Amino acid sequence: MTQTKRPPANPGRFRAQTGLIPKSNPRLPPQAGQGLPQADQEFLKKAVRFNALQLEAATIAAEKAQSEQVKQLAATLVNDHRSELKRIRELAESRSVILDNDEADPLQRQSVEDLKGVGGGDFDRDYIAVELDLHRRIVELYQTQASNSTDTGLASFAITSLVPIQKHFDHVQALGAERGLTIDRVKQPPQY
């Protein structure tokens, strides 16, 4: 019998990965008895704030808009965001998330408040500018949620809600272009 000779072991060849540090907040599905991850709770809270601002702005526009196109857009947004708010509240309740009455970003809140004082032909342009900003932000929020949520129900909600929201955004962009208003496309592509 002949024995094969093994090469000498090279202790430096195989090294443990000692520099690895686990993330302090990994995106794992909640385990039994745990609540909803913080990022998912924040999504629900932000979604309520954005939808409430959109509903408020659209309600103002439904009364003050000059153009028939803008009035129709406002009426559609009132209906859609009212039902979206209801769905978000139901999701939050089913996941035991308390939706406090946090105020929206002060600049966004102020831009909606400013619409109340605008009249005449300036209103439609100012309203479209507000909607462009709000829709860009809400599309980014929903895309991020759809891509990152470990809660399949919330991810599914974000994906299905994104379709009409994106249609609204496209419509608002078209109306904005007619009035010389543009906004950058949403930077984050969908990852779902």
C-alpha atoms as a PDB file:
ATOM      1  CA  MET A   1       0.000   0.000   0.000  1.00  0.00           C
ATOM      2  CA  THR A   2       1.249   3.360  -0.901  1.00  0.00           C
ATOM      3  CA  GLN A   3       0.327   6.369   1.057  1.00  0.00           C
ATOM      4  CA  THR A   4      -0.188   9.722  -0.542  1.00  0.00           C
ATOM      5  CA  LYS A   5       1.670  12.472   1.064  1.00  0.00           C
ATOM      6  CA  ARG A   6      -0.405  15.458   2.121  1.00  0.00           C
ATOM      7  CA  PRO A   7       0.978  18.925   1.771  1.00  0.00           C
ATOM      8  CA  PRO A   8       1.819  20.569   5.052  1.00  0.00           C
ATOM      9  CA  ALA A   9      -1.038  22.541   6.607  1.00  0.00           C
ATOM     10  CA  ASN A  10      -0.859  26.250   6.012  1.00  0.00           C
ATOM     11  CA  PRO A  11      -2.250  27.859   9.151  1.00  0.00           C
ATOM     12  CA  GLY A  12      -2.391  31.301   7.537  1.00  0.00           C
ATOM     13  CA  ARG A  13      -4.398  30.090   4.583  1.00  0.00           C
ATOM     14  CA  PHE A  14      -7.764  29.754   6.305  1.00  0.00           C
ATOM     15  CA  ARG A  15      -8.630  32.600   8.603  1.00  0.00           C
ATOM     16  CA  ALA A  16     -11.779  33.283  10.457  1.00  0.00           C
ATOM     17  CA  GLN A  17     -13.693  36.403   9.557  1.00  0.00           C
ATOM     18  CA  THR A  18     -13.072  38.131  12.822  1.00  0.00           C
ATOM     19  CA  GLY A  19     -13.916  41.614  11.621  1.00  0.00           C
ATOM     20  CA  LEU A  20     -17.612  40.915  11.018  1.00  0.00           C
ATOM     21  CA  ILE A  21     -20.019  42.887  13.162  1.00  0.00           C
ATOM     22  CA  PRO A  22     -23.727  42.020  13.027  1.00  0.00           C
ATOM     23  CA  LYS A  23     -26.180  44.803  12.325  1.00  0.00           C
ATOM     24  CA  SER A  24     -27.761  46.158  15.447  1.00  0.00           C
ATOM     25  CA  ASN A  25     -31.161  46.422  13.740  1.00  0.00           C
ATOM     26  CA  PRO A  26     -31.535  43.716  11.086  1.00  0.00           C
ATOM     27  CA  ARG A  27     -34.716  43.679   8.968  1.00  0.00           C
ATOM     28  CA  LEU A  28     -36.150  40.401  10.187  1.00  0.00           C
ATOM     29  CA  PRO A  29     -39.807  39.480  10.332  1.00  0.00           C
ATOM     30  CA  PRO A  30     -41.233  39.967  13.802  1.00  0.00           C
ATOM     31  CA  GLN A  31     -41.307  36.844  15.885  1.00  0.00           C
ATOM     32  CA  ALA A  32     -44.324  35.683  17.841  1.00  0.00           C
ATOM     33  CA  GLY A  33     -45.050  38.166  20.600  1.00  0.00           C
ATOM     34  CA  GLN A  34     -43.045  40.973  19.027  1.00  0.00           C
ATOM     35  CA  GLY A  35     -44.578  44.108  17.648  1.00  0.00           C
ATOM     36  CA  LEU A  36     -44.222  45.568  14.196  1.00  0.00           C
ATOM     37  CA  PRO A  37     -40.660  46.730  13.353  1.00  0.00           C
ATOM     38  CA  GLN A  38     -40.026  50.431  13.920  1.00  0.00           C
ATOM     39  CA  ALA A  39     -39.532  51.145  10.200  1.00  0.00           C
ATOM     40  CA  ASP A  40     -42.960  49.689   9.394  1.00  0.00           C
ATOM     41  CA  GLN A  41     -44.580  51.700  12.192  1.00  0.00           C
ATOM     42  CA  GLU A  42     -42.928  54.854  10.838  1.00  0.00           C
ATOM     43  CA  PHE A  43     -44.231  54.069   7.361  1.00  0.00           C
ATOM     44  CA  LEU A  44     -47.813  53.912   8.654  1.00  0.00           C
ATOM     45  CA  LYS A  45     -47.395  57.192  10.534  1.00  0.00           C
ATOM     46  CA  LYS A  46     -45.825  58.992   7.570  1.00  0.00           C
ATOM     47  CA  ALA A  47     -48.407  57.565   5.178  1.00  0.00           C
ATOM     48  CA  VAL A  48     -51.211  58.954   7.349  1.00  0.00           C
ATOM     49  CA  ARG A  49     -49.570  62.384   7.456  1.00  0.00           C
ATOM     50  CA  PHE A  50     -48.942  62.546   3.693  1.00  0.00           C
ATOM     51  CA  ASN A  51     -52.415  61.291   2.812  1.00  0.00           C
ATOM     52  CA  ALA A  52     -54.017  63.723   5.253  1.00  0.00           C
ATOM     53  CA  LEU A  53     -52.076  66.620   3.696  1.00  0.00           C
ATOM     54  CA  GLN A  54     -53.089  65.496   0.220  1.00  0.00           C
ATOM     55  CA  LEU A  55     -56.709  65.212   1.294  1.00  0.00           C
ATOM     56  CA  GLU A  56     -56.621  68.694   2.826  1.00  0.00           C
ATOM     57  CA  ALA A  57     -54.964  70.261  -0.226  1.00  0.00           C
ATOM     58  CA  ALA A  58     -57.384  68.528  -2.597  1.00  0.00           C
ATOM     59  CA  THR A  59     -60.379  69.634  -0.523  1.00  0.00           C
ATOM     60  CA  ILE A  60     -59.222  73.248  -0.781  1.00  0.00           C
ATOM     61  CA  ALA A  61     -58.627  72.842  -4.529  1.00  0.00           C
ATOM     62  CA  ALA A  62     -62.054  71.309  -5.121  1.00  0.00           C
ATOM     63  CA  GLU A  63     -63.540  74.634  -3.978  1.00  0.00           C
ATOM     64  CA  LYS A  64     -60.988  77.135  -5.324  1.00  0.00           C
ATOM     65  CA  ALA A  65     -59.595  75.691  -8.570  1.00  0.00           C
ATOM     66  CA  GLN A  66     -60.215  77.687 -11.742  1.00  0.00           C
ATOM     67  CA  SER A  67     -59.499  75.020 -14.358  1.00  0.00           C
ATOM     68  CA  GLU A  68     -61.932  72.153 -14.881  1.00  0.00           C
ATOM     69  CA  GLN A  69     -58.965  69.752 -15.148  1.00  0.00           C
ATOM     70  CA  VAL A  70     -57.655  70.815 -11.753  1.00  0.00           C
ATOM     71  CA  LYS A  71     -61.132  70.553 -10.211  1.00  0.00           C
ATOM     72  CA  GLN A  72     -61.468  66.997 -11.561  1.00  0.00           C
ATOM     73  CA  LEU A  73     -58.025  66.087 -10.238  1.00  0.00           C
ATOM     74  CA  ALA A  74     -58.918  67.500  -6.823  1.00  0.00           C
ATOM     75  CA  ALA A  75     -62.204  65.560  -6.703  1.00  0.00           C
ATOM     76  CA  THR A  76     -60.373  62.333  -7.593  1.00  0.00           C
ATOM     77  CA  LEU A  77     -57.700  62.956  -4.971  1.00  0.00           C
ATOM     78  CA  VAL A  78     -60.293  63.694  -2.278  1.00  0.00           C
ATOM     79  CA  ASN A  79     -61.997  60.342  -2.900  1.00  0.00           C
ATOM     80  CA  ASP A  80     -58.818  58.310  -3.314  1.00  0.00           C
ATOM     81  CA  HIS A  81     -56.945  59.742  -0.331  1.00  0.00           C
ATOM     82  CA  ARG A  82     -59.989  59.488   1.912  1.00  0.00           C
ATOM     83  CA  SER A  83     -60.193  55.743   1.172  1.00  0.00           C
ATOM     84  CA  GLU A  84     -56.392  55.399   1.453  1.00  0.00           C
ATOM     85  CA  LEU A  85     -56.499  56.965   4.920  1.00  0.00           C
ATOM     86  CA  LYS A  86     -59.184  54.493   5.943  1.00  0.00           C
ATOM     87  CA  ARG A  87     -57.079  51.551   4.709  1.00  0.00           C
ATOM     88  CA  ILE A  88     -53.979  52.816   6.528  1.00  0.00           C
ATOM     89  CA  ARG A  89     -55.887  53.218   9.772  1.00  0.00           C
ATOM     90  CA  GLU A  90     -57.272  49.679   9.446  1.00  0.00           C
ATOM     91  CA  LEU A  91     -53.768  48.315   8.825  1.00  0.00           C
ATOM     92  CA  ALA A  92     -52.395  50.202  11.810  1.00  0.00           C
ATOM     93  CA  GLU A  93     -55.200  48.987  14.058  1.00  0.00           C
ATOM     94  CA  SER A  94     -54.737  45.359  12.965  1.00  0.00           C
ATOM     95  CA  ARG A  95     -51.024  45.650  13.839  1.00  0.00           C
ATOM     96  CA  SER A  96     -51.586  47.509  17.128  1.00  0.00           C
ATOM     97  CA  VAL A  97     -49.846  50.655  15.908  1.00  0.00           C
ATOM     98  CA  ILE A  98     -51.049  53.857  17.499  1.00  0.00           C
ATOM     99  CA  LEU A  99     -51.264  56.641  14.942  1.00  0.00           C
ATOM    100  CA  ASP A 100     -50.645  59.731  17.014  1.00  0.00           C
ATOM    101  CA  ASN A 101     -51.512  63.174  15.797  1.00  0.00           C
ATOM    102  CA  ASP A 102     -47.959  64.078  14.822  1.00  0.00           C
ATOM    103  CA  GLU A 103     -47.818  67.158  12.702  1.00  0.00           C
ATOM    104  CA  ALA A 104     -46.485  66.896   9.201  1.00  0.00           C
ATOM    105  CA  ASP A 105     -43.259  68.551   8.172  1.00  0.00           C
ATOM    106  CA  PRO A 106     -43.736  72.285   8.913  1.00  0.00           C
ATOM    107  CA  LEU A 107     -42.842  73.335   5.352  1.00  0.00           C
ATOM    108  CA  GLN A 108     -45.332  70.901   3.835  1.00  0.00           C
ATOM    109  CA  ARG A 109     -47.976  71.937   6.344  1.00  0.00           C
ATOM    110  CA  GLN A 110     -47.310  75.601   5.557  1.00  0.00           C
ATOM    111  CA  SER A 111     -47.509  75.048   1.788  1.00  0.00           C
ATOM    112  CA  VAL A 112     -50.977  73.516   2.205  1.00  0.00           C
ATOM    113  CA  GLU A 113     -52.034  76.301   4.591  1.00  0.00           C
ATOM    114  CA  ASP A 114     -50.812  78.914   2.096  1.00  0.00           C
ATOM    115  CA  LEU A 115     -53.251  77.554  -0.500  1.00  0.00           C
ATOM    116  CA  LYS A 116     -56.112  78.920   1.589  1.00  0.00           C
ATOM    117  CA  GLY A 117     -54.933  82.475   0.947  1.00  0.00           C
ATOM    118  CA  VAL A 118     -54.292  82.115  -2.793  1.00  0.00           C
ATOM    119  CA  GLY A 119     -57.010  83.065  -5.226  1.00  0.00           C
ATOM    120  CA  GLY A 120     -57.719  83.553  -8.888  1.00  0.00           C
ATOM    121  CA  GLY A 121     -55.512  82.222 -11.636  1.00  0.00           C
ATOM    122  CA  ASP A 122     -52.533  81.773  -9.303  1.00  0.00           C
ATOM    123  CA  PHE A 123     -54.335  79.114  -7.318  1.00  0.00           C
ATOM    124  CA  ASP A 124     -54.150  76.326  -9.906  1.00  0.00           C
ATOM    125  CA  ARG A 125     -50.404  76.767 -10.400  1.00  0.00           C
ATOM    126  CA  ASP A 126     -49.692  76.939  -6.661  1.00  0.00           C
ATOM    127  CA  TYR A 127     -51.884  73.905  -5.983  1.00  0.00           C
ATOM    128  CA  ILE A 128     -50.153  71.864  -8.686  1.00  0.00           C
ATOM    129  CA  ALA A 129     -46.760  72.839  -7.214  1.00  0.00           C
ATOM    130  CA  VAL A 130     -47.867  71.568  -3.792  1.00  0.00           C
ATOM    131  CA  GLU A 131     -49.197  68.333  -5.300  1.00  0.00           C
ATOM    132  CA  LEU A 132     -45.983  67.749  -7.248  1.00  0.00           C
ATOM    133  CA  ASP A 133     -43.963  67.900  -4.039  1.00  0.00           C
ATOM    134  CA  LEU A 134     -46.403  65.786  -2.009  1.00  0.00           C
ATOM    135  CA  HIS A 135     -46.748  63.132  -4.705  1.00  0.00           C
ATOM    136  CA  ARG A 136     -43.004  62.812  -5.210  1.00  0.00           C
ATOM    137  CA  ARG A 137     -42.558  62.269  -1.493  1.00  0.00           C
ATOM    138  CA  ILE A 138     -45.411  59.795  -1.144  1.00  0.00           C
ATOM    139  CA  VAL A 139     -44.225  57.758  -4.156  1.00  0.00           C
ATOM    140  CA  GLU A 140     -40.739  57.545  -2.596  1.00  0.00           C
ATOM    141  CA  LEU A 141     -42.253  56.511   0.753  1.00  0.00           C
ATOM    142  CA  TYR A 142     -44.408  53.761  -0.744  1.00  0.00           C
ATOM    143  CA  GLN A 143     -41.607  52.464  -3.000  1.00  0.00           C
ATOM    144  CA  THR A 144     -39.266  52.219  -0.039  1.00  0.00           C
ATOM    145  CA  GLN A 145     -41.894  50.379   1.992  1.00  0.00           C
ATOM    146  CA  ALA A 146     -42.689  47.977  -0.843  1.00  0.00           C
ATOM    147  CA  SER A 147     -38.980  47.204  -1.231  1.00  0.00           C
ATOM    148  CA  ASN A 148     -37.934  46.960   2.413  1.00  0.00           C
ATOM    149  CA  SER A 149     -40.828  45.793   4.561  1.00  0.00           C
ATOM    150  CA  THR A 150     -40.610  42.373   6.151  1.00  0.00           C
ATOM    151  CA  ASP A 151     -44.368  42.475   6.736  1.00  0.00           C
ATOM    152  CA  THR A 152     -45.807  40.997   3.542  1.00  0.00           C
ATOM    153  CA  GLY A 153     -49.192  42.612   4.203  1.00  0.00           C
ATOM    154  CA  LEU A 154     -47.664  46.092   4.415  1.00  0.00           C
ATOM    155  CA  ALA A 155     -45.422  45.473   1.411  1.00  0.00           C
ATOM    156  CA  SER A 156     -48.435  44.290  -0.598  1.00  0.00           C
ATOM    157  CA  PHE A 157     -50.427  47.320   0.545  1.00  0.00           C
ATOM    158  CA  ALA A 158     -47.619  49.657  -0.559  1.00  0.00           C
ATOM    159  CA  ILE A 159     -47.324  47.972  -3.957  1.00  0.00           C
ATOM    160  CA  THR A 160     -51.050  48.016  -4.704  1.00  0.00           C
ATOM    161  CA  SER A 161     -51.439  51.572  -3.429  1.00  0.00           C
ATOM    162  CA  LEU A 162     -48.500  52.734  -5.499  1.00  0.00           C
ATOM    163  CA  VAL A 163     -50.305  52.099  -8.793  1.00  0.00           C
ATOM    164  CA  PRO A 164     -53.007  54.791  -8.380  1.00  0.00           C
ATOM    165  CA  ILE A 165     -50.603  57.112  -6.566  1.00  0.00           C
ATOM    166  CA  GLN A 166     -48.167  56.893  -9.486  1.00  0.00           C
ATOM    167  CA  LYS A 167     -51.036  57.587 -11.926  1.00  0.00           C
ATOM    168  CA  HIS A 168     -51.940  60.672  -9.896  1.00  0.00           C
ATOM    169  CA  PHE A 169     -48.293  61.759  -9.915  1.00  0.00           C
ATOM    170  CA  ASP A 170     -48.112  61.358 -13.702  1.00  0.00           C
ATOM    171  CA  HIS A 171     -51.319  63.391 -14.100  1.00  0.00           C
ATOM    172  CA  VAL A 172     -50.050  66.112 -11.772  1.00  0.00           C
ATOM    173  CA  GLN A 173     -46.762  66.237 -13.696  1.00  0.00           C
ATOM    174  CA  ALA A 174     -48.667  66.698 -16.971  1.00  0.00           C
ATOM    175  CA  LEU A 175     -50.746  69.514 -15.462  1.00  0.00           C
ATOM    176  CA  GLY A 176     -47.580  71.030 -14.019  1.00  0.00           C
ATOM    177  CA  ALA A 177     -45.824  70.934 -17.379  1.00  0.00           C
ATOM    178  CA  GLU A 178     -48.716  72.919 -18.864  1.00  0.00           C
ATOM    179  CA  ARG A 179     -48.038  75.562 -16.221  1.00  0.00           C
ATOM    180  CA  GLY A 180     -44.235  75.543 -16.505  1.00  0.00           C
ATOM    181  CA  LEU A 181     -43.714  73.401 -13.395  1.00  0.00           C
ATOM    182  CA  THR A 182     -41.423  70.381 -13.313  1.00  0.00           C
ATOM    183  CA  ILE A 183     -40.073  68.094 -10.655  1.00  0.00           C
ATOM    184  CA  ASP A 184     -37.396  65.445 -10.680  1.00  0.00           C
ATOM    185  CA  ARG A 185     -38.499  61.893 -11.106  1.00  0.00           C
ATOM    186  CA  VAL A 186     -38.480  59.691  -8.047  1.00  0.00           C
ATOM    187  CA  LYS A 187     -34.865  58.732  -7.432  1.00  0.00           C
ATOM    188  CA  GLN A 188     -35.346  55.263  -5.983  1.00  0.00           C
ATOM    189  CA  PRO A 189     -36.503  52.641  -8.495  1.00  0.00           C
ATOM    190  CA  PRO A 190     -38.826  49.929  -7.234  1.00  0.00           C
ATOM    191  CA  GLN A 191     -37.014  46.917  -5.732  1.00  0.00           C
ATOM    192  CA  TYR A 192     -39.925  44.593  -5.028  1.00  0.00           C
END
